[in-house]
N, C-alpha and C. Protein backbone atom coordinates (compact mmCIF):
# COMPACT_ATOMS: atom_id res chain seq x y z
N MET A 1 -59.42 -84.90 -39.54
CA MET A 1 -59.70 -86.17 -38.82
C MET A 1 -59.83 -87.12 -39.98
N ILE A 2 -60.78 -87.16 -39.63
CA ILE A 2 -61.78 -88.82 -40.70
C ILE A 2 -62.07 -88.56 -42.53
N ARG A 3 -61.41 -87.70 -42.71
CA ARG A 3 -61.39 -86.77 -44.38
C ARG A 3 -60.44 -88.10 -44.69
N ARG A 4 -59.52 -88.12 -44.36
CA ARG A 4 -58.06 -89.09 -45.12
C ARG A 4 -58.90 -89.98 -45.42
N ARG A 5 -59.82 -90.78 -45.27
CA ARG A 5 -60.30 -92.37 -45.63
C ARG A 5 -61.60 -92.69 -46.42
N GLY A 6 -62.16 -91.08 -46.75
CA GLY A 6 -63.41 -90.67 -47.02
C GLY A 6 -62.96 -91.12 -48.99
N PRO A 7 -64.21 -91.16 -49.79
CA PRO A 7 -65.04 -90.77 -48.74
C PRO A 7 -66.15 -91.40 -48.66
N TRP A 8 -67.06 -90.69 -47.98
CA TRP A 8 -68.19 -91.49 -46.88
C TRP A 8 -69.34 -91.43 -47.68
N ARG A 9 -69.74 -92.64 -47.54
CA ARG A 9 -70.44 -93.18 -48.14
C ARG A 9 -72.26 -93.04 -47.73
N THR A 10 -72.30 -93.43 -46.87
CA THR A 10 -73.46 -93.07 -45.62
C THR A 10 -72.81 -92.18 -44.38
N LEU A 11 -74.29 -92.38 -43.93
CA LEU A 11 -73.89 -91.48 -42.39
C LEU A 11 -73.14 -92.25 -41.62
N GLU A 12 -73.89 -93.37 -41.43
CA GLU A 12 -73.78 -94.65 -40.37
C GLU A 12 -71.89 -95.31 -41.62
N ALA A 13 -71.11 -94.92 -41.79
CA ALA A 13 -69.99 -94.73 -41.83
C ALA A 13 -69.29 -94.35 -41.51
N VAL A 14 -69.72 -92.35 -41.68
CA VAL A 14 -69.38 -92.10 -40.86
C VAL A 14 -68.90 -91.69 -39.23
N GLU A 15 -70.07 -91.99 -39.01
CA GLU A 15 -69.97 -92.14 -37.58
C GLU A 15 -69.35 -93.52 -37.50
N PHE A 16 -69.30 -94.24 -37.46
CA PHE A 16 -68.41 -95.20 -37.40
C PHE A 16 -66.86 -94.65 -37.77
N ALA A 17 -66.43 -94.43 -38.34
CA ALA A 17 -65.12 -94.14 -38.37
C ALA A 17 -64.75 -92.63 -37.33
N THR A 18 -65.58 -92.02 -36.81
CA THR A 18 -65.53 -91.09 -35.44
C THR A 18 -65.66 -91.92 -34.37
N LEU A 19 -66.71 -92.94 -34.36
CA LEU A 19 -66.93 -93.78 -33.07
C LEU A 19 -64.48 -94.20 -33.17
N GLU A 20 -63.50 -94.58 -34.18
CA GLU A 20 -62.82 -95.36 -34.00
C GLU A 20 -61.43 -94.48 -33.90
N TRP A 21 -62.10 -93.19 -34.77
CA TRP A 21 -60.80 -92.08 -34.24
C TRP A 21 -60.92 -91.70 -32.60
N VAL A 22 -61.99 -91.73 -32.49
CA VAL A 22 -62.45 -91.24 -30.47
C VAL A 22 -61.70 -92.42 -29.09
N ASP A 23 -62.11 -93.54 -30.27
CA ASP A 23 -61.39 -94.78 -29.34
C ASP A 23 -59.77 -94.58 -29.12
N TRP A 24 -59.84 -94.69 -30.62
CA TRP A 24 -57.71 -94.53 -31.13
C TRP A 24 -57.84 -93.18 -29.72
N PHE A 25 -57.62 -91.76 -29.62
CA PHE A 25 -56.96 -90.95 -29.05
C PHE A 25 -57.76 -90.97 -27.34
N ASN A 26 -58.71 -91.01 -27.21
CA ASN A 26 -58.88 -91.98 -25.31
C ASN A 26 -57.80 -93.29 -25.50
N HIS A 27 -57.73 -94.01 -26.14
CA HIS A 27 -57.61 -95.53 -25.38
C HIS A 27 -55.83 -95.97 -26.33
N ARG A 28 -55.89 -95.50 -27.15
CA ARG A 28 -54.19 -95.76 -27.51
C ARG A 28 -53.26 -94.86 -28.49
N ARG A 29 -53.74 -93.79 -28.03
CA ARG A 29 -52.78 -92.02 -28.35
C ARG A 29 -51.56 -92.45 -26.97
N LEU A 30 -50.26 -92.16 -27.09
CA LEU A 30 -50.25 -92.08 -25.82
C LEU A 30 -49.35 -90.84 -25.66
N LEU A 31 -49.66 -90.34 -24.29
CA LEU A 31 -49.30 -88.80 -24.46
C LEU A 31 -48.86 -88.53 -23.49
N GLU A 32 -47.16 -88.33 -23.81
CA GLU A 32 -45.87 -87.94 -23.32
C GLU A 32 -46.40 -87.02 -21.86
N PRO A 33 -46.67 -86.00 -21.53
CA PRO A 33 -46.97 -85.25 -20.32
C PRO A 33 -47.59 -85.82 -19.48
N ILE A 34 -48.09 -86.67 -19.58
CA ILE A 34 -48.55 -87.66 -18.62
C ILE A 34 -47.84 -88.72 -19.03
N GLY A 35 -46.85 -89.76 -19.25
CA GLY A 35 -45.79 -90.37 -19.07
C GLY A 35 -46.38 -91.25 -20.30
N ASN A 36 -45.93 -91.04 -21.10
CA ASN A 36 -46.34 -91.76 -22.25
C ASN A 36 -46.84 -93.04 -22.13
N ILE A 37 -48.38 -92.45 -21.85
CA ILE A 37 -50.02 -93.44 -21.75
C ILE A 37 -50.59 -92.85 -21.79
N PRO A 38 -51.70 -94.15 -22.38
CA PRO A 38 -52.58 -93.09 -23.16
C PRO A 38 -53.46 -92.69 -21.84
N PRO A 39 -54.74 -91.37 -21.90
CA PRO A 39 -55.23 -91.37 -21.60
C PRO A 39 -56.63 -91.40 -21.00
N ALA A 40 -56.70 -92.54 -21.09
CA ALA A 40 -58.37 -93.39 -20.51
C ALA A 40 -57.51 -93.92 -19.58
N GLU A 41 -55.82 -94.50 -19.75
CA GLU A 41 -55.36 -94.86 -18.35
C GLU A 41 -54.76 -94.19 -16.93
N ALA A 42 -54.19 -92.89 -17.52
CA ALA A 42 -54.53 -91.64 -16.78
C ALA A 42 -55.60 -91.56 -15.56
N GLU A 43 -57.22 -91.99 -16.74
CA GLU A 43 -58.29 -91.53 -15.73
C GLU A 43 -57.95 -92.19 -14.86
N ALA A 44 -57.89 -94.18 -15.39
CA ALA A 44 -58.23 -95.17 -14.21
C ALA A 44 -57.72 -95.17 -12.96
N ARG A 45 -56.15 -94.49 -13.46
CA ARG A 45 -55.22 -93.88 -12.19
C ARG A 45 -55.42 -93.02 -11.22
N TYR A 46 -55.76 -91.98 -11.33
CA TYR A 46 -56.37 -91.23 -10.99
C TYR A 46 -57.80 -91.18 -10.29
N TYR A 47 -58.88 -91.80 -10.99
CA TYR A 47 -59.91 -92.52 -9.85
C TYR A 47 -59.34 -93.77 -8.86
N ALA A 48 -58.22 -94.21 -9.54
CA ALA A 48 -58.17 -95.33 -8.07
C ALA A 48 -57.72 -94.99 -7.19
N GLN A 49 -57.11 -94.23 -7.05
CA GLN A 49 -55.90 -92.85 -6.58
C GLN A 49 -56.66 -92.33 -5.16
N THR A 50 -57.75 -91.92 -5.87
CA THR A 50 -58.64 -90.81 -5.45
C THR A 50 -59.72 -91.99 -4.61
N GLU A 51 -59.73 -92.94 -4.81
CA GLU A 51 -60.70 -93.76 -3.84
C GLU A 51 -59.69 -94.17 -3.13
N ASP A 52 -58.99 -94.73 -3.06
CA ASP A 52 -57.60 -95.37 -1.97
C ASP A 52 -57.87 -94.37 -1.05
N VAL A 53 -57.57 -93.18 -1.30
CA VAL A 53 -57.32 -92.07 -0.60
C VAL A 53 -58.29 -91.59 0.40
N ALA A 54 -60.27 -92.30 -0.67
CA ALA A 54 -61.23 -92.26 0.33
C ALA A 54 -61.72 -93.16 1.34
N MET A 55 -60.99 -94.16 0.58
CA MET A 55 -61.38 -95.52 1.78
C MET A 55 -60.16 -95.27 3.15
N ALA A 56 -59.41 -94.91 2.68
CA ALA A 56 -58.07 -94.37 3.89
C ALA A 56 -58.74 -93.92 4.98
N ALA A 57 -59.76 -92.30 4.40
CA ALA A 57 -59.77 -91.50 5.75
C ALA A 57 -61.37 -91.79 6.41
N CYS A 58 -62.29 -92.79 5.25
CA CYS A 58 -63.09 -93.69 6.63
C CYS A 58 -61.90 -94.45 7.84
N LEU A 59 -61.12 -95.33 7.13
CA LEU A 59 -60.62 -95.95 7.84
C LEU A 59 -60.54 -95.79 9.92
N LYS A 60 -61.12 -95.86 10.91
CA LYS A 60 -60.76 -94.66 11.75
C LYS A 60 -59.30 -95.60 13.18
N PRO A 61 -58.55 -96.22 12.87
CA PRO A 61 -57.74 -97.16 14.04
C PRO A 61 -58.72 -96.69 15.42
N TYR A 62 -58.89 -97.96 16.30
CA TYR A 62 -59.18 -97.71 17.64
C TYR A 62 -58.13 -97.35 18.47
N GLY A 63 -58.63 -97.08 19.37
CA GLY A 63 -57.10 -96.80 20.76
C GLY A 63 -56.22 -95.56 20.13
N LEU A 64 -56.26 -94.96 19.33
CA LEU A 64 -54.90 -93.64 19.45
C LEU A 64 -56.12 -92.50 19.78
N ARG A 65 -57.30 -92.99 20.10
CA ARG A 65 -57.71 -91.40 20.27
C ARG A 65 -58.52 -91.75 22.05
N GLN A 66 -57.36 -91.81 22.52
CA GLN A 66 -57.51 -92.62 24.54
C GLN A 66 -56.86 -91.15 24.43
N ASN A 67 -58.07 -90.41 25.83
CA ASN A 67 -57.42 -89.03 26.93
C ASN A 67 -56.55 -89.58 27.72
N ARG A 68 -55.90 -89.32 28.89
CA ARG A 68 -54.69 -89.51 29.22
C ARG A 68 -55.44 -90.31 30.26
N SER A 69 -56.37 -90.40 30.67
CA SER A 69 -56.87 -91.12 32.04
C SER A 69 -57.16 -92.44 31.39
N GLY A 70 -56.62 -93.09 29.88
CA GLY A 70 -56.63 -94.42 29.59
C GLY A 70 -58.06 -94.57 28.77
N SER A 71 -59.08 -93.75 29.56
CA SER A 71 -60.39 -94.34 28.74
C SER A 71 -60.31 -93.54 27.48
N GLY A 72 -61.79 -94.73 26.49
CA GLY A 72 -61.12 -93.56 25.23
C GLY A 72 -62.43 -94.59 24.36
N ASN A 73 -61.72 -94.54 23.07
CA ASN A 73 -62.82 -95.20 22.05
C ASN A 73 -62.18 -96.44 21.67
N SER A 74 -60.84 -97.38 22.44
CA SER A 74 -60.59 -98.60 21.83
C SER A 74 -61.56 -100.23 21.23
N ALA A 75 -60.51 -100.48 20.52
CA ALA A 75 -61.55 -101.76 20.40
C ALA A 75 -62.48 -102.34 21.35
N MET A 76 -61.34 -102.69 22.35
CA MET A 76 -62.08 -103.26 23.47
C MET A 76 -63.60 -102.82 23.86
N ASP A 77 -63.08 -101.54 23.73
CA ASP A 77 -64.68 -100.11 24.05
C ASP A 77 -65.90 -100.91 23.82
N HIS A 78 -65.35 -101.18 22.40
CA HIS A 78 -66.41 -101.68 21.19
C HIS A 78 -67.09 -102.53 21.40
N LEU A 79 -66.32 -103.99 21.36
CA LEU A 79 -66.43 -105.24 21.49
C LEU A 79 -67.35 -105.76 22.89
N GLY A 80 -66.79 -104.50 23.93
CA GLY A 80 -67.52 -105.33 25.12
C GLY A 80 -66.62 -106.00 26.45
N LEU A 81 -66.15 -105.75 25.61
CA LEU A 81 -64.54 -107.08 26.21
C LEU A 81 -63.26 -106.29 26.85
N PRO A 82 -62.89 -107.40 28.02
CA PRO A 82 -62.01 -106.50 29.04
C PRO A 82 -61.07 -105.96 28.70
N ALA A 83 -60.45 -105.00 28.84
CA ALA A 83 -59.04 -104.05 27.97
C ALA A 83 -57.92 -105.39 28.28
C-alpha cells in the first residue's frame, strides 16, 4: 500500500504516508456497491437518516389518541385552553 512511494527514511514519514492512505481510503475512494460515493459519505448519510427516524419517533402529535368520548391528550388539554 505505501511501499510504492518508499524508501522511508523515518518512522514519522511512514506514519504520515499511512495517514494519507487511510484518508484516501475513507474519504475519496468511490465504492461502487454503495452508489459510487466514499465510505465516509455513506456513513454520514446513514447516521443522518437514523437521527431523523429517532427524532420522528420522539414527536407525538397531540389529539390523535383521544377516546370515543372526545377526552384524551389533546393540545388544548395540555395548554389548559378550552377546546
